[in-house]
């Protein structure tokens, strides 16, 4: 889906799971799942979670509060969403699920952050590569690893389990 958001520089992280795609979808599409899987999540409360739409509120460990408003929802394949402070700038996020076999799947999360979005793309490149992308990749690795931890252990991932993050801990 080409949007104004995808013209921004992005950061992605991908992880393979020893779980079929349908089962992984069941996990990632569960309302309020971030409380169990997200290592920087203080709370995650659904605003709406039904066939008419999906949205929730994510409060990070540092108190930062973001609303996630899902833009697309492709059952079994993934979703896109806008995330940010209410009435503030929004980042565009793509969650993609890929079946690798009947016992394995892949989850990729790509973020097109609002930070640096007001700069011309060419001027934003260096700070994105040097400062934003490394922090976003660390964040995304921790988030996806939190899902893997929850799936493997059947319990809530400990807060900051994969290390603290300067933006969200």
N, C-alpha and C. Protein backbone atom coordinates (compact mmCIF):
# COMPACT_ATOMS: atom_id res chain seq x y z
N UNK A 1 0.85 -1.18 0.00
CA UNK A 1 0.00 0.00 0.00
C UNK A 1 0.89 1.24 0.00
N UNK A 2 0.89 1.96 -1.06
CA UNK A 2 1.68 3.18 -1.18
C UNK A 2 0.92 4.34 -0.52
N UNK A 3 1.55 4.93 0.45
CA UNK A 3 0.96 6.08 1.12
C UNK A 3 2.01 7.16 1.25
N UNK A 4 1.60 8.30 1.70
CA UNK A 4 2.54 9.38 1.97
C UNK A 4 3.55 8.92 3.02
N UNK A 5 3.14 8.04 3.91
CA UNK A 5 4.02 7.56 4.97
C UNK A 5 5.17 6.72 4.42
N UNK A 6 4.93 5.94 3.37
CA UNK A 6 5.97 5.06 2.85
C UNK A 6 7.02 5.80 2.04
N UNK A 7 6.88 7.10 1.92
CA UNK A 7 7.93 7.91 1.28
C UNK A 7 9.03 8.26 2.29
N UNK A 8 8.79 7.94 3.55
CA UNK A 8 9.78 8.19 4.60
C UNK A 8 10.81 7.04 4.61
N UNK A 9 11.94 7.30 5.26
CA UNK A 9 12.90 6.24 5.49
C UNK A 9 12.30 5.29 6.52
N UNK A 10 12.62 4.01 6.43
CA UNK A 10 12.01 3.02 7.31
C UNK A 10 13.07 2.19 8.02
N UNK A 11 12.60 1.40 8.95
CA UNK A 11 13.43 0.39 9.62
C UNK A 11 12.57 -0.85 9.79
N UNK A 12 13.19 -2.02 9.60
CA UNK A 12 12.46 -3.29 9.69
C UNK A 12 13.23 -4.28 10.54
N UNK A 13 12.48 -5.24 11.03
CA UNK A 13 13.11 -6.40 11.67
C UNK A 13 12.25 -7.62 11.36
N UNK A 14 12.92 -8.73 11.09
CA UNK A 14 12.26 -9.98 10.72
C UNK A 14 12.75 -11.10 11.63
N UNK A 15 11.84 -11.98 12.02
CA UNK A 15 12.21 -13.15 12.80
C UNK A 15 11.37 -14.33 12.34
N UNK A 16 12.00 -15.50 12.29
CA UNK A 16 11.30 -16.73 11.96
C UNK A 16 10.84 -17.42 13.24
N UNK A 17 9.66 -18.05 13.17
CA UNK A 17 9.05 -18.74 14.30
C UNK A 17 8.82 -20.21 13.95
N UNK A 18 9.01 -21.07 14.92
CA UNK A 18 8.68 -22.49 14.76
C UNK A 18 7.21 -22.67 15.11
N UNK A 19 6.37 -22.04 14.33
CA UNK A 19 4.94 -22.01 14.56
C UNK A 19 4.28 -21.75 13.22
N UNK A 20 3.21 -22.47 12.92
CA UNK A 20 2.57 -22.23 11.63
C UNK A 20 1.94 -20.83 11.60
N UNK A 21 1.76 -20.32 10.40
CA UNK A 21 1.31 -18.94 10.21
C UNK A 21 -0.05 -18.68 10.86
N UNK A 22 -0.96 -19.65 10.79
CA UNK A 22 -2.28 -19.45 11.39
C UNK A 22 -2.18 -19.28 12.91
N UNK A 23 -1.32 -20.06 13.54
CA UNK A 23 -1.16 -19.95 14.99
C UNK A 23 -0.47 -18.62 15.36
N UNK A 24 0.52 -18.22 14.57
CA UNK A 24 1.18 -16.94 14.84
C UNK A 24 0.19 -15.79 14.65
N UNK A 25 -0.66 -15.87 13.63
CA UNK A 25 -1.68 -14.86 13.42
C UNK A 25 -2.60 -14.76 14.63
N UNK A 26 -2.99 -15.90 15.17
CA UNK A 26 -3.86 -15.89 16.35
C UNK A 26 -3.23 -15.11 17.49
N UNK A 27 -1.92 -15.24 17.65
CA UNK A 27 -1.23 -14.50 18.72
C UNK A 27 -1.19 -13.01 18.41
N UNK A 28 -0.67 -12.64 17.24
CA UNK A 28 -0.46 -11.21 16.98
C UNK A 28 -1.75 -10.43 16.81
N UNK A 29 -2.86 -11.12 16.51
CA UNK A 29 -4.13 -10.41 16.29
C UNK A 29 -5.04 -10.41 17.52
N UNK A 30 -4.54 -10.92 18.63
CA UNK A 30 -5.31 -10.96 19.88
C UNK A 30 -5.39 -9.56 20.49
N UNK A 31 -6.58 -9.13 20.91
CA UNK A 31 -6.67 -7.81 21.54
C UNK A 31 -5.83 -7.75 22.82
N UNK A 32 -5.19 -6.63 23.03
CA UNK A 32 -4.39 -6.35 24.23
C UNK A 32 -3.20 -7.29 24.40
N UNK A 33 -2.76 -7.93 23.32
CA UNK A 33 -1.66 -8.90 23.38
C UNK A 33 -0.33 -8.25 23.77
N UNK A 34 -0.20 -6.95 23.54
CA UNK A 34 1.08 -6.30 23.84
C UNK A 34 1.42 -6.37 25.32
N UNK A 35 0.43 -6.47 26.20
CA UNK A 35 0.71 -6.60 27.63
C UNK A 35 1.49 -7.87 27.92
N UNK A 36 1.28 -8.92 27.14
CA UNK A 36 1.96 -10.20 27.35
C UNK A 36 3.27 -10.30 26.58
N UNK A 37 3.38 -9.58 25.46
CA UNK A 37 4.50 -9.80 24.54
C UNK A 37 5.47 -8.64 24.38
N UNK A 38 5.08 -7.46 24.72
CA UNK A 38 5.89 -6.26 24.44
C UNK A 38 6.73 -5.90 25.67
N UNK A 39 8.06 -5.97 25.56
CA UNK A 39 8.90 -5.75 26.75
C UNK A 39 8.94 -4.31 27.26
N UNK A 40 8.40 -3.36 26.49
CA UNK A 40 8.38 -1.97 26.93
C UNK A 40 6.97 -1.48 27.22
N UNK A 41 6.00 -2.40 27.27
CA UNK A 41 4.59 -2.05 27.46
C UNK A 41 4.22 -2.05 28.94
N UNK A 42 3.69 -0.92 29.39
CA UNK A 42 3.11 -0.85 30.73
C UNK A 42 1.66 -1.36 30.68
N UNK A 43 0.91 -0.90 29.66
CA UNK A 43 -0.47 -1.37 29.48
C UNK A 43 -0.87 -1.23 28.02
N UNK A 44 -1.86 -2.04 27.63
CA UNK A 44 -2.38 -2.04 26.27
C UNK A 44 -3.87 -2.32 26.36
N UNK A 45 -4.68 -1.33 26.09
CA UNK A 45 -6.13 -1.46 26.22
C UNK A 45 -6.82 -1.22 24.88
N UNK A 46 -7.68 -2.13 24.52
CA UNK A 46 -8.43 -2.01 23.27
C UNK A 46 -9.45 -0.88 23.38
N UNK A 47 -9.55 -0.08 22.32
CA UNK A 47 -10.61 0.91 22.19
C UNK A 47 -11.74 0.25 21.40
N UNK A 48 -11.38 -0.36 20.29
CA UNK A 48 -12.31 -1.10 19.44
C UNK A 48 -11.55 -2.31 18.89
N UNK A 49 -12.18 -3.49 18.91
CA UNK A 49 -11.52 -4.69 18.39
C UNK A 49 -12.60 -5.63 17.87
N UNK A 50 -13.08 -5.33 16.66
CA UNK A 50 -14.12 -6.15 16.06
C UNK A 50 -14.06 -6.04 14.55
N UNK A 51 -15.03 -6.62 13.86
CA UNK A 51 -15.02 -6.63 12.39
C UNK A 51 -15.13 -5.22 11.79
N UNK A 52 -15.57 -4.25 12.58
CA UNK A 52 -15.71 -2.88 12.07
C UNK A 52 -14.42 -2.06 12.20
N UNK A 53 -13.46 -2.57 12.95
CA UNK A 53 -12.20 -1.84 13.09
C UNK A 53 -11.41 -2.25 14.31
N UNK A 54 -10.18 -1.78 14.35
CA UNK A 54 -9.28 -2.11 15.44
C UNK A 54 -8.52 -0.86 15.85
N UNK A 55 -8.49 -0.61 17.15
CA UNK A 55 -7.67 0.46 17.69
C UNK A 55 -7.44 0.16 19.17
N UNK A 56 -6.31 0.64 19.67
CA UNK A 56 -6.00 0.45 21.08
C UNK A 56 -5.07 1.54 21.57
N UNK A 57 -4.82 1.55 22.86
CA UNK A 57 -3.92 2.51 23.48
C UNK A 57 -2.78 1.73 24.11
N UNK A 58 -1.57 2.13 23.80
CA UNK A 58 -0.36 1.53 24.33
C UNK A 58 0.33 2.55 25.22
N UNK A 59 0.52 2.17 26.48
CA UNK A 59 1.28 3.02 27.40
C UNK A 59 2.62 2.33 27.64
N UNK A 60 3.69 3.05 27.31
CA UNK A 60 5.03 2.51 27.47
C UNK A 60 5.48 2.62 28.92
N UNK A 61 6.57 1.94 29.26
CA UNK A 61 7.10 1.95 30.62
C UNK A 61 7.45 3.35 31.10
N UNK A 62 7.86 4.24 30.18
CA UNK A 62 8.22 5.61 30.56
C UNK A 62 7.01 6.54 30.62
N UNK A 63 5.80 6.00 30.42
CA UNK A 63 4.58 6.80 30.50
C UNK A 63 4.12 7.37 29.18
N UNK A 64 4.94 7.30 28.15
CA UNK A 64 4.52 7.78 26.82
C UNK A 64 3.29 6.98 26.40
N UNK A 65 2.25 7.68 25.93
CA UNK A 65 0.98 7.05 25.58
C UNK A 65 0.70 7.25 24.09
N UNK A 66 0.57 6.13 23.38
CA UNK A 66 0.31 6.16 21.95
C UNK A 66 -0.98 5.44 21.64
N UNK A 67 -1.69 5.95 20.67
CA UNK A 67 -2.88 5.28 20.14
C UNK A 67 -2.49 4.59 18.85
N UNK A 68 -2.92 3.34 18.71
CA UNK A 68 -2.71 2.61 17.46
C UNK A 68 -4.05 2.52 16.75
N UNK A 69 -4.11 3.04 15.52
CA UNK A 69 -5.32 2.98 14.69
C UNK A 69 -4.99 2.16 13.44
N UNK A 70 -5.58 0.97 13.38
CA UNK A 70 -5.30 0.04 12.30
C UNK A 70 -5.94 0.54 11.02
N UNK A 71 -5.14 0.56 9.95
CA UNK A 71 -5.60 1.07 8.66
C UNK A 71 -6.09 -0.06 7.76
N UNK A 72 -5.36 -1.16 7.76
CA UNK A 72 -5.77 -2.35 7.00
C UNK A 72 -5.67 -3.56 7.91
N UNK A 73 -6.47 -4.57 7.61
CA UNK A 73 -6.49 -5.80 8.40
C UNK A 73 -6.71 -6.94 7.41
N UNK A 74 -5.66 -7.69 7.14
CA UNK A 74 -5.73 -8.79 6.20
C UNK A 74 -5.62 -10.10 6.97
N UNK A 75 -6.75 -10.70 7.25
CA UNK A 75 -6.83 -11.89 8.09
C UNK A 75 -5.79 -12.92 7.68
N UNK A 76 -4.92 -13.27 8.63
CA UNK A 76 -3.91 -14.29 8.40
C UNK A 76 -2.64 -13.79 7.73
N UNK A 77 -2.66 -12.56 7.22
CA UNK A 77 -1.49 -12.05 6.48
C UNK A 77 -0.80 -10.88 7.16
N UNK A 78 -1.56 -10.06 7.88
CA UNK A 78 -0.95 -8.93 8.55
C UNK A 78 -1.87 -7.72 8.60
N UNK A 79 -1.30 -6.60 8.98
CA UNK A 79 -2.07 -5.37 9.10
C UNK A 79 -1.14 -4.18 9.02
N UNK A 80 -1.74 -3.01 8.82
CA UNK A 80 -1.01 -1.76 8.88
C UNK A 80 -1.70 -0.87 9.91
N UNK A 81 -0.93 0.04 10.48
CA UNK A 81 -1.51 0.91 11.49
C UNK A 81 -0.75 2.22 11.55
N UNK A 82 -1.42 3.20 12.11
CA UNK A 82 -0.79 4.48 12.46
C UNK A 82 -0.67 4.51 13.96
N UNK A 83 0.49 4.95 14.46
CA UNK A 83 0.72 5.01 15.89
C UNK A 83 1.35 6.34 16.25
N UNK A 84 0.88 6.90 17.36
CA UNK A 84 1.43 8.16 17.85
C UNK A 84 0.56 8.70 18.96
N UNK A 85 0.99 9.82 19.51
CA UNK A 85 0.18 10.47 20.53
C UNK A 85 -1.11 10.96 19.89
N UNK A 86 -2.17 10.94 20.64
CA UNK A 86 -3.47 11.40 20.15
C UNK A 86 -3.32 12.80 19.59
N UNK A 87 -3.77 13.04 18.37
CA UNK A 87 -3.69 14.32 17.67
C UNK A 87 -2.25 14.77 17.40
N UNK A 88 -1.29 13.86 17.54
CA UNK A 88 0.10 14.21 17.27
C UNK A 88 0.58 13.56 15.98
N UNK A 89 1.85 13.72 15.66
CA UNK A 89 2.39 13.09 14.46
C UNK A 89 2.31 11.56 14.57
N UNK A 90 2.16 10.90 13.43
CA UNK A 90 1.94 9.47 13.40
C UNK A 90 3.05 8.75 12.63
N UNK A 91 3.43 7.59 13.13
CA UNK A 91 4.30 6.68 12.40
C UNK A 91 3.43 5.64 11.75
N UNK A 92 3.86 5.17 10.61
CA UNK A 92 3.14 4.13 9.86
C UNK A 92 3.87 2.82 10.08
N UNK A 93 3.12 1.77 10.43
CA UNK A 93 3.72 0.48 10.77
C UNK A 93 3.05 -0.62 9.97
N UNK A 94 3.87 -1.52 9.43
CA UNK A 94 3.39 -2.66 8.65
C UNK A 94 3.83 -3.94 9.35
N UNK A 95 2.85 -4.79 9.68
CA UNK A 95 3.11 -6.13 10.22
C UNK A 95 2.79 -7.12 9.12
N UNK A 96 3.79 -7.92 8.72
CA UNK A 96 3.60 -8.89 7.64
C UNK A 96 3.92 -10.29 8.14
N UNK A 97 3.03 -11.21 7.85
CA UNK A 97 3.17 -12.60 8.23
C UNK A 97 3.37 -13.43 6.98
N UNK A 98 4.36 -14.32 6.99
CA UNK A 98 4.64 -15.18 5.85
C UNK A 98 4.73 -16.62 6.30
N UNK A 99 4.01 -17.50 5.65
CA UNK A 99 4.12 -18.93 5.94
C UNK A 99 5.38 -19.45 5.28
N UNK A 100 6.23 -20.13 6.04
CA UNK A 100 7.45 -20.72 5.49
C UNK A 100 7.27 -22.21 5.21
N UNK A 101 6.46 -22.85 6.04
CA UNK A 101 6.12 -24.27 5.88
C UNK A 101 4.90 -24.53 6.75
N UNK A 102 4.51 -25.78 6.87
CA UNK A 102 3.35 -26.07 7.73
C UNK A 102 3.69 -25.96 9.22
N UNK A 103 4.97 -25.77 9.53
CA UNK A 103 5.39 -25.63 10.93
C UNK A 103 6.21 -24.37 11.21
N UNK A 104 6.34 -23.50 10.23
CA UNK A 104 7.18 -22.33 10.43
C UNK A 104 6.59 -21.11 9.73
N UNK A 105 6.85 -19.95 10.31
CA UNK A 105 6.37 -18.70 9.74
C UNK A 105 7.36 -17.59 10.05
N UNK A 106 7.15 -16.47 9.39
CA UNK A 106 8.04 -15.33 9.53
C UNK A 106 7.20 -14.10 9.84
N UNK A 107 7.68 -13.30 10.79
CA UNK A 107 7.03 -12.03 11.11
C UNK A 107 8.01 -10.90 10.81
N UNK A 108 7.55 -9.94 10.03
CA UNK A 108 8.33 -8.74 9.73
C UNK A 108 7.53 -7.52 10.17
N UNK A 109 8.18 -6.64 10.91
CA UNK A 109 7.56 -5.37 11.27
C UNK A 109 8.43 -4.27 10.66
N UNK A 110 7.78 -3.37 9.93
CA UNK A 110 8.45 -2.23 9.31
C UNK A 110 7.82 -0.95 9.83
N UNK A 111 8.65 -0.04 10.28
CA UNK A 111 8.17 1.25 10.79
C UNK A 111 8.69 2.37 9.89
N UNK A 112 7.76 3.24 9.49
CA UNK A 112 8.08 4.47 8.78
C UNK A 112 7.84 5.59 9.81
N UNK A 113 8.89 5.97 10.55
CA UNK A 113 8.68 6.87 11.69
C UNK A 113 8.39 8.31 11.30
N UNK A 114 7.66 8.98 12.18
CA UNK A 114 7.36 10.39 11.95
C UNK A 114 8.57 11.27 12.23
N UNK A 115 9.48 10.77 13.05
CA UNK A 115 10.66 11.57 13.37
C UNK A 115 11.44 11.82 12.08
N UNK A 116 11.87 13.00 11.86
CA UNK A 116 12.59 13.48 10.67
C UNK A 116 11.69 13.64 9.44
N UNK A 117 10.39 13.36 9.56
CA UNK A 117 9.49 13.40 8.40
C UNK A 117 9.36 14.80 7.79
N UNK A 118 9.59 15.82 8.59
CA UNK A 118 9.45 17.18 8.07
C UNK A 118 10.69 17.65 7.30
N UNK A 119 11.77 16.90 7.43
CA UNK A 119 12.98 17.24 6.68
C UNK A 119 12.87 16.71 5.26
N UNK A 120 13.51 17.38 4.31
CA UNK A 120 13.59 16.79 2.97
C UNK A 120 14.25 15.40 3.08
N UNK A 121 13.79 14.48 2.28
CA UNK A 121 14.25 13.09 2.37
C UNK A 121 15.77 12.96 2.32
N UNK A 122 16.41 13.72 1.47
CA UNK A 122 17.87 13.64 1.34
C UNK A 122 18.57 14.12 2.61
N UNK A 123 18.03 15.13 3.27
CA UNK A 123 18.62 15.63 4.52
C UNK A 123 18.36 14.70 5.69
N UNK A 124 17.28 13.95 5.61
CA UNK A 124 16.93 13.03 6.69
C UNK A 124 17.74 11.74 6.64
N UNK A 125 18.35 11.43 5.51
CA UNK A 125 19.02 10.14 5.35
C UNK A 125 20.11 9.89 6.39
N UNK A 126 21.05 10.79 6.53
CA UNK A 126 22.16 10.56 7.45
C UNK A 126 21.69 10.40 8.90
N UNK A 127 20.88 11.33 9.44
CA UNK A 127 20.44 11.11 10.82
C UNK A 127 19.59 9.84 10.97
N UNK A 128 18.87 9.49 9.91
CA UNK A 128 18.08 8.25 9.98
C UNK A 128 19.01 7.04 10.09
N UNK A 129 20.00 6.98 9.23
CA UNK A 129 20.91 5.83 9.20
C UNK A 129 21.75 5.75 10.48
N UNK A 130 22.21 6.89 10.96
CA UNK A 130 23.12 6.92 12.10
C UNK A 130 22.39 6.84 13.45
N UNK A 131 21.23 7.47 13.56
CA UNK A 131 20.58 7.61 14.86
C UNK A 131 19.24 6.88 14.95
N UNK A 132 18.32 7.10 14.00
CA UNK A 132 16.96 6.55 14.11
C UNK A 132 16.93 5.05 13.83
N UNK A 133 17.45 4.63 12.68
CA UNK A 133 17.34 3.21 12.29
C UNK A 133 17.93 2.26 13.33
N UNK A 134 19.14 2.52 13.86
CA UNK A 134 19.66 1.57 14.86
C UNK A 134 18.76 1.45 16.10
N UNK A 135 18.19 2.55 16.55
CA UNK A 135 17.31 2.50 17.72
C UNK A 135 15.99 1.81 17.39
N UNK A 136 15.46 2.08 16.20
CA UNK A 136 14.22 1.42 15.80
C UNK A 136 14.42 -0.07 15.63
N UNK A 137 15.54 -0.48 15.03
CA UNK A 137 15.81 -1.92 14.85
C UNK A 137 15.96 -2.62 16.20
N UNK A 138 16.62 -1.97 17.15
CA UNK A 138 16.76 -2.54 18.50
C UNK A 138 15.37 -2.69 19.13
N UNK A 139 14.55 -1.68 18.98
CA UNK A 139 13.18 -1.72 19.49
C UNK A 139 12.39 -2.86 18.84
N UNK A 140 12.43 -2.93 17.51
CA UNK A 140 11.66 -3.97 16.80
C UNK A 140 12.17 -5.37 17.14
N UNK A 141 13.47 -5.53 17.27
CA UNK A 141 14.01 -6.83 17.66
C UNK A 141 13.48 -7.23 19.04
N UNK A 142 13.43 -6.29 19.96
CA UNK A 142 12.91 -6.57 21.31
C UNK A 142 11.43 -6.92 21.26
N UNK A 143 10.66 -6.21 20.45
CA UNK A 143 9.22 -6.47 20.35
C UNK A 143 8.98 -7.87 19.76
N UNK A 144 9.61 -8.18 18.64
CA UNK A 144 9.39 -9.49 18.02
C UNK A 144 9.93 -10.59 18.92
N UNK A 145 11.06 -10.35 19.57
CA UNK A 145 11.60 -11.34 20.51
C UNK A 145 10.64 -11.55 21.68
N UNK A 146 9.92 -10.52 22.07
CA UNK A 146 8.91 -10.65 23.13
C UNK A 146 7.79 -11.58 22.72
N UNK A 147 7.37 -11.52 21.45
CA UNK A 147 6.36 -12.45 20.95
C UNK A 147 6.91 -13.88 21.00
N UNK A 148 8.16 -14.04 20.57
CA UNK A 148 8.75 -15.37 20.59
C UNK A 148 8.86 -15.89 22.03
N UNK A 149 9.27 -15.03 22.95
CA UNK A 149 9.37 -15.42 24.36
C UNK A 149 8.00 -15.88 24.88
N UNK A 150 6.97 -15.11 24.60
CA UNK A 150 5.62 -15.44 25.07
C UNK A 150 5.15 -16.76 24.48
N UNK A 151 5.41 -16.98 23.20
CA UNK A 151 5.00 -18.23 22.55
C UNK A 151 5.75 -19.42 23.13
N UNK A 152 7.06 -19.28 23.32
CA UNK A 152 7.88 -20.39 23.82
C UNK A 152 7.63 -20.70 25.29
N UNK A 153 7.44 -19.67 26.11
CA UNK A 153 7.32 -19.86 27.56
C UNK A 153 5.89 -19.86 28.07
N UNK A 154 4.96 -19.36 27.26
CA UNK A 154 3.57 -19.31 27.69
C UNK A 154 3.32 -18.34 28.81
N UNK A 155 4.19 -17.36 28.94
CA UNK A 155 4.01 -16.37 30.00
C UNK A 155 4.38 -14.98 29.49
N UNK A 156 4.04 -14.00 30.31
CA UNK A 156 4.30 -12.60 29.98
C UNK A 156 5.80 -12.35 29.94
N UNK A 157 6.25 -11.65 28.90
CA UNK A 157 7.67 -11.31 28.81
C UNK A 157 8.01 -10.29 29.90
N UNK A 158 9.11 -10.50 30.62
CA UNK A 158 9.48 -9.50 31.63
C UNK A 158 9.77 -8.14 30.99
N UNK A 159 9.44 -7.08 31.72
CA UNK A 159 9.67 -5.73 31.21
C UNK A 159 11.18 -5.52 31.02
N UNK A 160 11.54 -4.85 29.93
CA UNK A 160 12.94 -4.58 29.58
C UNK A 160 13.79 -5.85 29.49
N UNK A 161 13.17 -6.98 29.18
CA UNK A 161 13.85 -8.28 29.19
C UNK A 161 15.05 -8.32 28.25
N UNK A 162 15.00 -7.63 27.15
CA UNK A 162 16.08 -7.67 26.16
C UNK A 162 16.96 -6.42 26.24
N UNK A 163 16.84 -5.69 27.33
CA UNK A 163 17.58 -4.45 27.53
C UNK A 163 16.64 -3.26 27.51
N UNK A 164 17.09 -2.21 28.14
CA UNK A 164 16.30 -0.98 28.18
C UNK A 164 16.37 -0.29 26.82
N UNK A 165 15.38 0.57 26.57
CA UNK A 165 15.38 1.35 25.33
C UNK A 165 15.26 2.82 25.69
N UNK A 166 16.10 3.69 25.09
CA UNK A 166 16.10 5.09 25.49
C UNK A 166 14.80 5.83 25.19
N UNK A 167 13.99 5.35 24.26
CA UNK A 167 12.75 6.04 23.92
C UNK A 167 11.54 5.53 24.70
N UNK A 168 11.59 4.30 25.23
CA UNK A 168 10.37 3.69 25.76
C UNK A 168 10.47 3.10 27.15
N UNK A 169 11.67 2.89 27.68
CA UNK A 169 11.83 2.28 29.01
C UNK A 169 11.57 3.28 30.12
